[in-house]
C-alpha atoms as a PDB file:
ATOM      1  CA  MET A   1     -15.235  12.793  11.318  1.00  0.00           C
ATOM      2  CA  VAL A   2     -15.127  10.182  14.014  1.00  0.00           C
ATOM      3  CA  LEU A   3     -12.947  10.748  17.062  1.00  0.00           C
ATOM      4  CA  ASP A   4     -11.398   7.654  18.587  1.00  0.00           C
ATOM      5  CA  THR A   5     -11.704   7.340  22.341  1.00  0.00           C
ATOM      6  CA  ASN A   6      -7.993   8.021  22.823  1.00  0.00           C
ATOM      7  CA  VAL A   7      -8.471  11.524  21.398  1.00  0.00           C
ATOM      8  CA  LEU A   8     -11.049  12.377  24.085  1.00  0.00           C
ATOM      9  CA  VAL A   9      -8.893  10.829  26.798  1.00  0.00           C
ATOM     10  CA  ALA A  10      -5.915  12.922  25.685  1.00  0.00           C
ATOM     11  CA  ALA A  11      -8.054  16.072  25.680  1.00  0.00           C
ATOM     12  CA  SER A  12      -9.298  15.284  29.192  1.00  0.00           C
ATOM     13  CA  ARG A  13      -5.747  14.868  30.464  1.00  0.00           C
ATOM     14  CA  SER A  14      -4.232  18.045  28.970  1.00  0.00           C
ATOM     15  CA  ARG A  15      -5.506  21.338  27.619  1.00  0.00           C
ATOM     16  CA  ARG A  16      -2.289  21.940  25.685  1.00  0.00           C
ATOM     17  CA  GLY A  17      -2.422  19.327  22.960  1.00  0.00           C
ATOM     18  CA  ALA A  18      -4.007  18.936  19.564  1.00  0.00           C
ATOM     19  CA  SER A  19      -6.837  16.810  20.982  1.00  0.00           C
ATOM     20  CA  PHE A  20      -8.081  19.599  23.231  1.00  0.00           C
ATOM     21  CA  ALA A  21      -7.709  22.099  20.387  1.00  0.00           C
ATOM     22  CA  LEU A  22      -9.868  19.848  18.189  1.00  0.00           C
ATOM     23  CA  LEU A  23     -12.608  19.795  20.812  1.00  0.00           C
ATOM     24  CA  ARG A  24     -12.570  23.585  20.869  1.00  0.00           C
ATOM     25  CA  LEU A  25     -12.929  23.638  17.064  1.00  0.00           C
ATOM     26  CA  LEU A  26     -15.742  21.102  17.280  1.00  0.00           C
ATOM     27  CA  ARG A  27     -17.555  23.308  19.762  1.00  0.00           C
ATOM     28  CA  ALA A  28     -17.046  26.269  17.413  1.00  0.00           C
ATOM     29  CA  GLY A  29     -18.668  24.307  14.582  1.00  0.00           C
ATOM     30  CA  ARG A  30     -15.530  23.990  12.449  1.00  0.00           C
ATOM     31  CA  PHE A  31     -16.219  20.320  11.744  1.00  0.00           C
ATOM     32  CA  THR A  32     -18.858  17.694  12.411  1.00  0.00           C
ATOM     33  CA  ALA A  33     -18.133  14.754  14.662  1.00  0.00           C
ATOM     34  CA  LEU A  34     -20.103  11.550  14.250  1.00  0.00           C
ATOM     35  CA  VAL A  35     -20.977   9.288  17.166  1.00  0.00           C
ATOM     36  CA  SER A  36     -22.912   6.076  17.673  1.00  0.00           C
ATOM     37  CA  VAL A  37     -24.434   4.788  20.893  1.00  0.00           C
ATOM     38  CA  PRO A  38     -21.714   2.131  21.398  1.00  0.00           C
ATOM     39  CA  LEU A  39     -19.004   4.717  20.785  1.00  0.00           C
ATOM     40  CA  MET A  40     -20.553   7.184  23.240  1.00  0.00           C
ATOM     41  CA  LEU A  41     -20.699   4.412  25.850  1.00  0.00           C
ATOM     42  CA  GLU A  42     -17.024   3.679  25.185  1.00  0.00           C
ATOM     43  CA  TYR A  43     -16.206   7.376  25.655  1.00  0.00           C
ATOM     44  CA  GLU A  44     -18.029   7.310  28.984  1.00  0.00           C
ATOM     45  CA  ALA A  45     -16.346   4.140  30.226  1.00  0.00           C
ATOM     46  CA  ALA A  46     -12.872   5.376  29.321  1.00  0.00           C
ATOM     47  CA  LEU A  47     -13.281   8.917  30.647  1.00  0.00           C
ATOM     48  CA  LYS A  48     -14.635   7.634  33.972  1.00  0.00           C
ATOM     49  CA  ARG A  49     -11.656   5.392  34.668  1.00  0.00           C
ATOM     50  CA  PRO A  50     -10.164   6.486  37.997  1.00  0.00           C
ATOM     51  CA  GLU A  51      -6.732   7.189  36.505  1.00  0.00           C
ATOM     52  CA  HIS A  52      -8.188   9.584  33.924  1.00  0.00           C
ATOM     53  CA  LEU A  53     -10.443  11.324  36.445  1.00  0.00           C
ATOM     54  CA  ALA A  54      -7.490  11.840  38.782  1.00  0.00           C
ATOM     55  CA  VAL A  55      -5.163  13.316  36.148  1.00  0.00           C
ATOM     56  CA  GLY A  56      -7.836  15.676  34.861  1.00  0.00           C
ATOM     57  CA  GLY A  57      -9.055  16.596  38.348  1.00  0.00           C
ATOM     58  CA  ARG A  58     -12.601  15.700  37.342  1.00  0.00           C
ATOM     59  CA  THR A  59     -15.517  13.879  38.920  1.00  0.00           C
ATOM     60  CA  GLU A  60     -17.927  11.469  37.284  1.00  0.00           C
ATOM     61  CA  ALA A  61     -20.587  14.198  37.384  1.00  0.00           C
ATOM     62  CA  MET A  62     -18.265  16.564  35.503  1.00  0.00           C
ATOM     63  CA  THR A  63     -17.630  13.849  32.941  1.00  0.00           C
ATOM     64  CA  ASP A  64     -21.377  13.340  32.514  1.00  0.00           C
ATOM     65  CA  ALA A  65     -21.797  17.070  31.907  1.00  0.00           C
ATOM     66  CA  PHE A  66     -18.968  17.021  29.361  1.00  0.00           C
ATOM     67  CA  LEU A  67     -20.496  14.057  27.511  1.00  0.00           C
ATOM     68  CA  ASP A  68     -23.901  15.756  27.490  1.00  0.00           C
ATOM     69  CA  ALA A  69     -22.330  18.850  25.936  1.00  0.00           C
ATOM     70  CA  LEU A  70     -20.345  16.732  23.491  1.00  0.00           C
ATOM     71  CA  SER A  71     -23.473  14.946  22.333  1.00  0.00           C
ATOM     72  CA  LEU A  72     -24.977  18.308  21.375  1.00  0.00           C
ATOM     73  CA  CYS A  73     -22.025  18.914  19.031  1.00  0.00           C
ATOM     74  CA  CYS A  74     -22.153  15.492  17.379  1.00  0.00           C
ATOM     75  CA  GLU A  75     -24.278  13.948  14.687  1.00  0.00           C
ATOM     76  CA  PRO A  76     -25.748  10.587  15.705  1.00  0.00           C
ATOM     77  CA  VAL A  77     -25.044   7.544  13.545  1.00  0.00           C
ATOM     78  CA  ASP A  78     -27.196   4.441  13.432  1.00  0.00           C
ATOM     79  CA  LEU A  79     -25.217   1.272  12.879  1.00  0.00           C
ATOM     80  CA  TYR A  80     -27.011  -0.515  10.078  1.00  0.00           C
ATOM     81  CA  TYR A  81     -24.043  -2.589   8.957  1.00  0.00           C
ATOM     82  CA  LEU A  82     -21.484  -4.273  11.175  1.00  0.00           C
ATOM     83  CA  TRP A  83     -18.085  -4.704   9.560  1.00  0.00           C
ATOM     84  CA  ARG A  84     -16.520  -7.063  12.105  1.00  0.00           C
ATOM     85  CA  PRO A  85     -13.829  -8.088  12.416  1.00  0.00           C
ATOM     86  CA  ARG A  86     -11.797  -5.479  10.539  1.00  0.00           C
ATOM     87  CA  ALA A  87      -9.572  -3.701  13.064  1.00  0.00           C
ATOM     88  CA  ARG A  88      -6.624  -5.351  14.784  1.00  0.00           C
ATOM     89  CA  ASP A  89      -8.214  -4.602  18.160  1.00  0.00           C
ATOM     90  CA  ALA A  90     -11.842  -5.723  18.455  1.00  0.00           C
ATOM     91  CA  ALA A  91     -12.606  -2.623  20.549  1.00  0.00           C
ATOM     92  CA  ASP A  92     -11.698  -0.476  17.530  1.00  0.00           C
ATOM     93  CA  ASP A  93     -14.340  -2.117  15.342  1.00  0.00           C
ATOM     94  CA  MET A  94     -17.075   0.102  16.796  1.00  0.00           C
ATOM     95  CA  VAL A  95     -15.040   3.192  15.913  1.00  0.00           C
ATOM     96  CA  LEU A  96     -14.578   1.985  12.346  1.00  0.00           C
ATOM     97  CA  GLU A  97     -18.244   0.973  12.088  1.00  0.00           C
ATOM     98  CA  THR A  98     -19.351   4.411  13.229  1.00  0.00           C
ATOM     99  CA  ALA A  99     -17.140   6.024  10.598  1.00  0.00           C
ATOM    100  CA  LEU A 100     -18.321   3.733   7.814  1.00  0.00           C
ATOM    101  CA  ASN A 101     -22.028   3.894   8.658  1.00  0.00           C
ATOM    102  CA  GLY A 102     -21.820   7.674   9.079  1.00  0.00           C
ATOM    103  CA  ARG A 103     -19.876   8.080   5.833  1.00  0.00           C
ATOM    104  CA  ALA A 104     -17.120   9.947   7.629  1.00  0.00           C
ATOM    105  CA  ASP A 105     -14.355  11.697   5.714  1.00  0.00           C
ATOM    106  CA  ARG A 106     -11.793  10.938   8.409  1.00  0.00           C
ATOM    107  CA  LEU A 107     -11.205   8.831  11.464  1.00  0.00           C
ATOM    108  CA  VAL A 108      -9.068  10.624  14.048  1.00  0.00           C
ATOM    109  CA  THR A 109      -6.884   8.522  16.330  1.00  0.00           C
ATOM    110  CA  PHE A 110      -3.448   8.283  17.874  1.00  0.00           C
ATOM    111  CA  ASN A 111      -3.366   4.633  16.797  1.00  0.00           C
ATOM    112  CA  THR A 112      -3.403   5.089  13.041  1.00  0.00           C
ATOM    113  CA  GLY A 113      -1.779   1.687  12.527  1.00  0.00           C
ATOM    114  CA  ASP A 114      -4.762  -0.023  14.144  1.00  0.00           C
ATOM    115  CA  PHE A 115      -7.067   1.107  11.348  1.00  0.00           C
ATOM    116  CA  THR A 116      -5.343  -0.187   8.217  1.00  0.00           C
ATOM    117  CA  ALA A 117      -8.662  -1.747   7.173  1.00  0.00           C
ATOM    118  CA  ALA A 118     -10.068   1.773   6.704  1.00  0.00           C
ATOM    119  CA  ALA A 119      -8.073   2.151   3.484  1.00  0.00           C
ATOM    120  CA  ARG A 120     -10.195  -0.597   1.883  1.00  0.00           C
ATOM    121  CA  PHE A 121     -13.194   1.691   2.319  1.00  0.00           C
ATOM    122  CA  GLY A 122     -11.476   4.902   1.202  1.00  0.00           C
ATOM    123  CA  LEU A 123     -11.534   6.288   4.737  1.00  0.00           C
ATOM    124  CA  ALA A 124      -8.641   8.537   5.742  1.00  0.00           C
ATOM    125  CA  VAL A 125      -7.122   7.882   9.160  1.00  0.00           C
ATOM    126  CA  VAL A 126      -5.268  10.819  10.711  1.00  0.00           C
ATOM    127  CA  ASP A 127      -3.837  11.716  14.075  1.00  0.00           C
ATOM    128  CA  PRO A 128      -5.128  14.776  15.969  1.00  0.00           C
ATOM    129  CA  ARG A 129      -2.132  16.954  15.103  1.00  0.00           C
ATOM    130  CA  GLU A 130      -2.531  16.202  11.393  1.00  0.00           C
ATOM    131  CA  LEU A 131      -6.250  17.013  11.455  1.00  0.00           C
ATOM    132  CA  LEU A 132      -5.622  20.224  13.387  1.00  0.00           C
ATOM    133  CA  GLN A 133      -3.102  21.268  10.747  1.00  0.00           C
ATOM    134  CA  GLN A 134      -5.564  20.439   7.934  1.00  0.00           C
ATOM    135  CA  LEU A 135      -8.310  22.497   9.575  1.00  0.00           C
ATOM    136  CA  GLN A 136      -5.962  25.437  10.106  1.00  0.00           C
ATOM    137  CA  GLU A 137      -4.829  25.301   6.460  1.00  0.00           C
ATOM    138  CA  ARG A 138      -8.452  25.215   5.303  1.00  0.00           C
ATOM    139  CA  GLN A 139      -9.143  28.400   7.287  1.00  0.00           C
ATOM    140  CA  SER A 140      -6.208  30.246   5.671  1.00  0.00           C
END
C-alpha cells in the first residue's frame, strides 16, 4: 500500500484517528507500505511545516527520527516509469507513480477524488478509516 502524505500528517496531529492506528499496524507488520525517494521527501517537507510541528508538539529532530523509523517499515520503490500527468493535482502524481511502480494493492488517502486515474490501472483508492476496517475484518 502507499500512504498519501495527508495520512501521515493526520497521524502526526492526532493519536486518536484511523491514520495513527494504521501506523501502529504498519509497525506491527500487518501490512507493507511502499515508498519512493520523492514521496519520502514529500513526507519530510509536509511533516516539518511549522503548523504541523506546533500541533503535534514535535521538533524537526523528532520528525527526522520518526521518518527514519518509518523507512525501516517500508519497502522502497524505484520509479522506472513516470505516469504524468494523471492526478488532478500535480503533487499527487508522485504518490500515484509510487503505487503503480510498486504494484500496490491500495493507495490510502483522504482525497480519494484526486486519484480517479488510479481506476484505469486497477488500483484501489481508500481512505484510512476504510483500510483500517478492511484490516480489522481480515484479522477476524
